[in-house]
Protein backbone atom coordinates (compact mmCIF):
# COMPACT_ATOMS: atom_id res chain seq x y z
CA MET A 1 -26.57 -25.83 4.58
CA ASN A 2 -24.73 -27.05 1.47
CA LEU A 3 -25.58 -25.73 -1.98
CA THR A 4 -27.32 -28.19 -4.27
CA ASN A 5 -27.85 -25.90 -7.27
CA ARG A 6 -25.72 -24.12 -9.83
CA TYR A 7 -26.22 -20.37 -10.21
CA ASP A 8 -25.28 -17.91 -12.95
CA PHE A 9 -25.96 -14.21 -12.53
CA VAL A 10 -25.84 -10.84 -14.28
CA LEU A 11 -24.91 -7.70 -12.34
CA LEU A 12 -25.95 -4.34 -13.79
CA PHE A 13 -24.64 -1.13 -12.20
CA ASP A 14 -23.94 2.45 -13.23
CA VAL A 15 -21.69 5.38 -12.44
CA LYS A 16 -22.43 9.07 -12.81
CA ASP A 17 -19.72 11.75 -12.67
CA GLY A 18 -17.24 9.39 -11.07
CA ASN A 19 -14.35 7.04 -11.69
CA PRO A 20 -15.50 3.46 -11.05
CA ASN A 21 -12.05 1.87 -11.33
CA GLY A 22 -8.95 3.95 -12.03
CA ASP A 23 -6.00 2.46 -13.90
CA PRO A 24 -2.74 3.16 -12.02
CA ASP A 25 -0.77 2.52 -15.23
CA ALA A 26 -2.66 5.32 -16.98
CA GLY A 27 -2.57 8.11 -14.41
CA ASN A 28 -5.69 6.71 -12.70
CA LEU A 29 -7.86 7.28 -15.77
CA PRO A 30 -11.00 5.13 -15.88
CA ARG A 31 -10.18 1.70 -17.29
CA VAL A 32 -11.15 1.40 -20.93
CA ASP A 33 -10.96 -1.09 -23.79
CA ALA A 34 -8.50 0.65 -26.09
CA GLU A 35 -10.07 -0.80 -29.25
CA THR A 36 -13.75 -0.17 -28.56
CA GLY A 37 -13.78 2.60 -25.96
CA HIS A 38 -15.99 0.58 -23.62
CA GLY A 39 -15.36 1.12 -19.94
CA LEU A 40 -14.00 -1.69 -17.78
CA MET A 41 -14.06 -2.51 -14.09
CA THR A 42 -11.95 -5.44 -12.91
CA ASP A 43 -13.27 -8.46 -11.07
CA VAL A 44 -10.79 -7.60 -8.31
CA ALA A 45 -12.44 -4.20 -7.78
CA LEU A 46 -15.89 -5.80 -7.57
CA LYS A 47 -14.69 -8.41 -5.09
CA ARG A 48 -13.12 -5.64 -3.01
CA LYS A 49 -16.51 -3.99 -2.60
CA VAL A 50 -18.10 -7.29 -1.59
CA ARG A 51 -15.35 -7.81 0.98
CA ASN A 52 -15.81 -4.29 2.34
CA PHE A 53 -19.57 -4.76 2.67
CA VAL A 54 -19.18 -8.06 4.54
CA ALA A 55 -16.55 -6.60 6.87
CA LEU A 56 -18.77 -3.59 7.55
CA THR A 57 -22.04 -5.39 8.19
CA GLN A 58 -21.32 -8.78 9.73
CA ASP A 59 -21.34 -9.35 13.46
CA GLN A 60 -17.84 -10.65 14.06
CA THR A 61 -18.81 -12.24 17.37
CA GLU A 62 -20.59 -15.02 15.50
CA LYS A 63 -18.61 -18.25 15.84
CA ALA A 64 -18.02 -21.13 13.50
CA PRO A 65 -18.74 -24.25 15.59
CA GLU A 66 -15.93 -26.32 14.11
CA ALA A 67 -13.31 -23.63 14.34
CA GLY A 68 -14.19 -21.65 17.44
CA GLU A 69 -13.29 -18.43 15.61
CA LYS A 70 -14.96 -15.69 13.64
CA ARG A 71 -16.73 -16.94 10.51
CA TYR A 72 -16.96 -13.71 8.53
CA GLU A 73 -13.44 -12.37 8.73
CA ILE A 74 -11.83 -11.01 5.57
CA TYR A 75 -8.53 -12.48 4.43
CA VAL A 76 -7.54 -9.89 1.80
CA ARG A 77 -8.04 -6.63 3.66
CA GLU A 78 -6.23 -3.32 3.86
CA LYS A 79 -2.73 -3.60 5.34
CA ALA A 80 -3.12 -7.31 6.06
CA ILE A 81 -0.03 -9.53 6.30
CA LEU A 82 -1.26 -12.72 4.70
CA ASN A 83 1.38 -15.08 6.09
CA LEU A 84 0.34 -14.07 9.61
CA GLN A 85 -3.22 -15.10 8.76
CA HIS A 86 -1.89 -18.54 7.75
CA GLN A 87 0.01 -18.77 11.03
CA ARG A 88 -3.24 -18.22 12.93
CA ALA A 89 -4.60 -21.44 11.44
CA TYR A 90 -1.66 -23.45 12.70
CA SER A 91 -1.84 -21.81 16.13
CA ALA A 92 -5.59 -22.41 16.46
CA LEU A 93 -5.22 -26.06 15.47
CA LYS A 94 -2.10 -26.51 17.62
CA LEU A 95 -0.06 -27.71 14.67
CA ASP A 96 3.65 -27.27 14.10
CA ALA A 97 3.89 -24.49 11.55
CA PRO A 98 6.22 -24.98 8.56
CA ALA A 99 9.66 -23.52 9.05
CA GLU A 100 9.80 -19.85 8.18
CA GLU A 101 11.84 -18.82 5.21
CA ALA A 102 15.37 -17.92 6.20
CA SER A 103 16.69 -14.43 5.68
CA GLU A 104 18.95 -13.75 2.73
CA SER A 105 21.96 -13.43 5.01
CA ALA A 106 21.37 -16.78 6.72
CA ASP A 107 22.98 -20.03 5.68
CA ALA A 108 20.63 -21.41 3.02
CA ASP A 109 21.91 -24.97 3.45
CA ASP A 110 20.93 -24.98 7.13
CA LYS A 111 17.56 -23.26 6.92
CA LYS A 112 16.16 -24.06 3.48
CA THR A 113 15.55 -27.13 1.37
CA LYS A 114 15.69 -26.68 -2.35
CA LYS A 115 14.56 -28.57 -5.40
CA GLY A 116 15.54 -27.46 -8.87
CA GLY A 117 16.85 -24.17 -7.52
CA LYS A 118 13.50 -23.25 -5.90
CA GLU A 119 12.59 -23.23 -2.24
CA LYS A 120 10.56 -26.20 -1.09
CA ARG A 121 8.12 -25.19 1.63
CA LYS A 122 7.80 -27.55 4.53
CA GLY A 123 4.66 -28.85 6.19
CA SER A 124 2.92 -32.20 5.98
CA ALA A 125 0.06 -32.60 3.53
CA SER A 126 -2.37 -33.38 6.35
CA ASP A 127 -1.41 -30.27 8.30
CA VAL A 128 -1.72 -28.10 5.21
CA ASP A 129 -5.16 -29.57 4.52
CA LEU A 130 -6.31 -28.86 8.08
CA ALA A 131 -5.00 -25.30 7.85
CA ARG A 132 -6.77 -24.81 4.52
CA LYS A 133 -10.08 -25.99 6.00
CA TRP A 134 -9.62 -23.66 9.00
CA MET A 135 -9.05 -20.71 6.68
CA CYS A 136 -12.21 -21.58 4.73
CA GLN A 137 -14.25 -21.83 7.92
CA ASN A 138 -13.11 -18.48 9.27
CA PHE A 139 -12.67 -16.22 6.23
CA PHE A 140 -15.68 -15.39 4.07
CA ASP A 141 -13.65 -14.34 1.06
CA VAL A 142 -11.49 -17.48 1.12
CA ARG A 143 -14.45 -19.87 0.97
CA THR A 144 -16.21 -17.58 -1.53
CA PHE A 145 -13.56 -16.42 -3.99
CA GLY A 146 -10.71 -18.78 -3.16
CA ALA A 147 -7.11 -17.87 -2.34
CA VAL A 148 -3.49 -18.88 -2.89
CA MET A 149 -2.23 -19.43 0.66
CA SER A 150 0.92 -21.42 -0.08
CA THR A 151 3.25 -18.45 0.45
CA GLY A 152 5.41 -18.57 3.57
CA THR A 153 3.44 -20.58 6.13
CA ASN A 154 1.67 -23.01 3.83
CA ALA A 155 -2.12 -23.11 4.18
CA GLY A 156 -2.73 -24.56 0.74
CA GLN A 157 -4.72 -23.24 -2.20
CA VAL A 158 -8.48 -22.82 -2.54
CA ARG A 159 -10.45 -22.60 -5.76
CA GLY A 160 -13.46 -20.45 -4.96
CA PRO A 161 -17.00 -21.41 -5.97
CA VAL A 162 -17.89 -17.80 -6.87
CA GLN A 163 -16.24 -16.21 -9.87
CA LEU A 164 -16.82 -12.80 -11.48
CA THR A 165 -15.87 -11.41 -14.88
CA PHE A 166 -14.66 -7.91 -15.67
CA ALA A 167 -17.58 -5.51 -15.87
CA ARG A 168 -17.92 -3.82 -19.26
CA SER A 169 -19.95 -0.74 -20.10
CA ILE A 170 -22.89 -1.19 -22.45
CA ASP A 171 -21.67 1.68 -24.64
CA PRO A 172 -18.32 3.42 -25.08
CA ILE A 173 -17.51 5.87 -22.31
CA VAL A 174 -15.93 9.30 -22.32
CA ALA A 175 -13.17 9.84 -19.75
CA LEU A 176 -13.04 13.48 -18.66
CA GLU A 177 -10.14 15.15 -16.88
CA HIS A 178 -10.82 18.07 -14.54
CA SER A 179 -8.46 20.55 -12.91
CA ILE A 180 -9.19 21.01 -9.22
CA THR A 181 -7.86 23.51 -6.70
CA ARG A 182 -7.04 23.17 -3.01
CA MET A 183 -6.84 26.47 -1.14
CA ALA A 184 -4.01 25.25 1.06
CA VAL A 185 -0.53 23.77 0.88
CA ALA A 186 1.06 20.98 2.86
CA THR A 187 4.27 22.61 4.10
CA GLU A 188 5.63 26.00 5.08
CA ALA A 189 8.21 25.73 2.31
CA GLU A 190 5.43 25.51 -0.29
CA ALA A 191 3.74 28.54 1.23
CA GLU A 192 6.95 30.59 1.02
CA LYS A 193 7.38 29.69 -2.65
CA GLN A 194 3.85 30.88 -3.38
CA GLN A 195 4.26 34.03 -1.26
CA GLY A 196 1.13 33.31 0.72
CA ASP A 197 -1.12 32.30 -2.18
CA ASN A 198 -1.29 28.77 -0.70
CA ARG A 199 -2.99 27.21 -3.68
CA THR A 200 -2.49 23.62 -4.88
CA MET A 201 -3.60 22.33 -8.25
CA GLY A 202 -4.63 18.76 -8.99
CA ARG A 203 -6.41 16.56 -11.51
CA LYS A 204 -9.55 14.47 -11.28
CA HIS A 205 -10.92 11.94 -13.77
CA THR A 206 -14.59 11.09 -14.23
CA VAL A 207 -17.01 9.27 -16.49
CA PRO A 208 -20.11 11.46 -17.14
CA TYR A 209 -22.25 8.33 -17.22
CA GLY A 210 -21.73 4.63 -17.78
CA LEU A 211 -23.93 1.56 -17.40
CA TYR A 212 -21.84 -1.55 -16.74
CA MET A 213 -22.61 -5.27 -16.86
CA ALA A 214 -20.70 -8.11 -15.22
CA HIS A 215 -21.33 -11.86 -15.21
CA GLY A 216 -20.90 -14.25 -12.32
CA PHE A 217 -20.94 -17.96 -11.61
CA VAL A 218 -21.54 -20.11 -8.52
CA SER A 219 -20.46 -23.77 -8.52
CA SER A 220 -22.05 -26.04 -5.92
CA PHE A 221 -19.29 -28.62 -6.46
CA LEU A 222 -16.59 -26.16 -5.42
CA ALA A 223 -18.85 -24.80 -2.67
CA LYS A 224 -18.81 -28.20 -0.98
CA GLN A 225 -15.00 -28.12 -0.97
CA THR A 226 -14.81 -24.73 0.76
CA GLY A 227 -17.89 -24.88 3.01
CA PHE A 228 -19.67 -22.08 1.11
CA GLY A 229 -23.31 -22.57 2.10
CA THR A 230 -26.74 -21.10 1.55
CA ASP A 231 -26.18 -18.47 4.24
CA ASP A 232 -23.03 -17.32 2.46
CA LEU A 233 -24.92 -17.22 -0.84
CA GLU A 234 -27.60 -14.95 0.62
CA LEU A 235 -24.89 -12.69 2.03
CA LEU A 236 -23.29 -12.56 -1.43
CA TRP A 237 -26.57 -11.46 -3.02
CA GLN A 238 -27.04 -8.85 -0.30
CA SER A 239 -23.51 -7.57 -0.86
CA LEU A 240 -23.96 -7.23 -4.61
CA GLU A 241 -27.25 -5.39 -4.11
CA ASN A 242 -25.92 -2.90 -1.55
CA MET A 243 -22.12 -2.72 -1.92
CA PHE A 244 -22.14 0.74 -3.51
CA GLU A 245 -24.44 2.22 -0.85
CA HIS A 246 -21.67 2.16 1.75
CA ASP A 247 -18.75 2.85 -0.58
CA ARG A 248 -19.38 6.50 -1.31
CA SER A 249 -16.50 8.83 -2.11
CA ALA A 250 -15.91 12.02 -4.07
CA ALA A 251 -13.87 10.06 -6.61
CA ARG A 252 -16.58 7.52 -7.44
CA GLY A 253 -19.50 9.92 -7.84
CA GLU A 254 -22.85 8.14 -7.82
CA MET A 255 -22.63 4.37 -8.23
CA SER A 256 -25.65 2.10 -7.84
CA THR A 257 -26.62 -1.49 -8.46
CA ARG A 258 -29.38 -1.34 -11.07
CA GLY A 259 -30.09 -5.02 -11.54
CA LEU A 260 -29.09 -8.42 -10.18
CA TYR A 261 -30.54 -11.26 -12.23
CA VAL A 262 -29.89 -14.75 -10.88
CA PHE A 263 -30.42 -17.89 -12.93
CA LYS A 264 -30.97 -20.84 -10.60
CA HIS A 265 -30.46 -24.31 -12.03
CA ASP A 266 -32.40 -27.26 -10.64
CA SER A 267 -29.28 -29.42 -10.79
CA GLU A 268 -25.71 -29.05 -9.61
CA LEU A 269 -24.30 -29.64 -13.08
CA GLY A 270 -26.61 -27.06 -14.65
CA ASN A 271 -29.55 -27.15 -17.04
CA ALA A 272 -28.37 -24.64 -19.67
CA HIS A 273 -25.21 -22.93 -20.90
CA ALA A 274 -24.40 -19.74 -19.02
CA HIS A 275 -23.79 -17.64 -22.13
CA LYS A 276 -27.27 -18.44 -23.46
CA LEU A 277 -28.81 -17.31 -20.18
CA PHE A 278 -26.75 -14.10 -20.11
CA ASP A 279 -27.96 -13.24 -23.61
CA ARG A 280 -31.48 -12.90 -22.17
CA ILE A 281 -30.49 -9.67 -20.39
CA LYS A 282 -30.18 -6.76 -22.80
CA ALA A 283 -29.66 -3.04 -22.10
CA THR A 284 -30.16 -0.58 -24.95
CA ARG A 285 -29.90 3.19 -24.84
CA ASN A 286 -32.97 5.15 -25.93
CA VAL A 287 -31.20 8.52 -26.36
CA GLU A 288 -28.10 9.53 -28.29
CA VAL A 289 -26.06 10.57 -25.25
CA PRO A 290 -27.14 8.75 -22.06
CA ARG A 291 -26.67 10.50 -18.75
CA ASN A 292 -29.08 8.57 -16.51
CA PHE A 293 -30.28 5.01 -16.01
CA SER A 294 -33.64 6.06 -17.44
CA ASP A 295 -31.85 6.65 -20.75
CA TYR A 296 -31.60 2.87 -21.11
CA ASP A 297 -34.21 0.21 -21.68
CA VAL A 298 -33.42 -3.08 -19.95
CA ALA A 299 -35.13 -6.08 -21.52
CA VAL A 300 -35.34 -9.41 -19.72
CA ASP A 301 -36.39 -12.31 -21.91
CA GLU A 302 -38.27 -14.74 -19.68
CA SER A 303 -40.07 -16.51 -22.51
CA ALA A 304 -39.36 -20.20 -23.13
CA MET A 305 -36.86 -20.48 -20.30
CA PRO A 306 -34.80 -23.68 -20.51
CA ALA A 307 -36.27 -26.55 -18.50
CA GLY A 308 -34.85 -26.61 -15.00
CA VAL A 309 -33.80 -22.93 -14.92
CA THR A 310 -35.55 -20.25 -12.85
CA LEU A 311 -34.85 -16.52 -13.10
CA LEU A 312 -34.71 -14.75 -9.73
CA ARG A 313 -34.66 -10.95 -9.77
CA LYS A 314 -32.81 -9.65 -6.74
CA VAL A 315 -32.97 -5.96 -7.68
């Protein structure tokens, strides 16, 4: 069923003795705002956890009637080759796929068409549109978050109806670095160098505690373009509520969703500005050095809600 309402939401989650989102450009230290010291978690990392939850929990035998394929597949997944996913759309629809890009050693004049020094990908507009629709029907993350699928075999571009911001910690975080020891080595050569000690040292980064908040948006106008429906919306809420429960690892410590506050608008255009609704959710620490969720007071202002807006608490 198509969406007929706009939604804005606030996601509140915490981490204890873990690294919610390491920065590869900083030795995998927890991401941090350099000016304020507040912790950050990228929208990409949050979407990854939603994707993982959907892939883990959905019955992939369910079919999409129009496509005859799996409806809850994940497009951006580990070790995926995206151009091969695009090719599947052309094969399923029995369309002639755009010519593959020629190798660097091949004759460019024979195998490529160029405009302004750039490669011009082939494929009729109608075929690309059909392939784009097929990708939306079969891949949950494409019809939810959107995707650029014009690389190689051209399946078009999709602007997703669901968008997330970076998550930011309520207060500045402290990034700790720990030395860890492994009582083993990987090779015999390492063992010989250590004369049988067989000890390996390493480093681990954690945040003692951090409460993070992210904002999200759902557009019914864009949902109609991708086929994102009410069933997909419910799956999104379920994913945000439970995504940390099945993403445990020693590196991430304890991570939990602490609140999911959904503002439902009566209209598609919306009945209030998102930033004014987000300001109604406040988290304030009640101790000097927080180390648990109970060290925060979360206030939800439900008084004088704008006409046409309903607050739904999912967690």
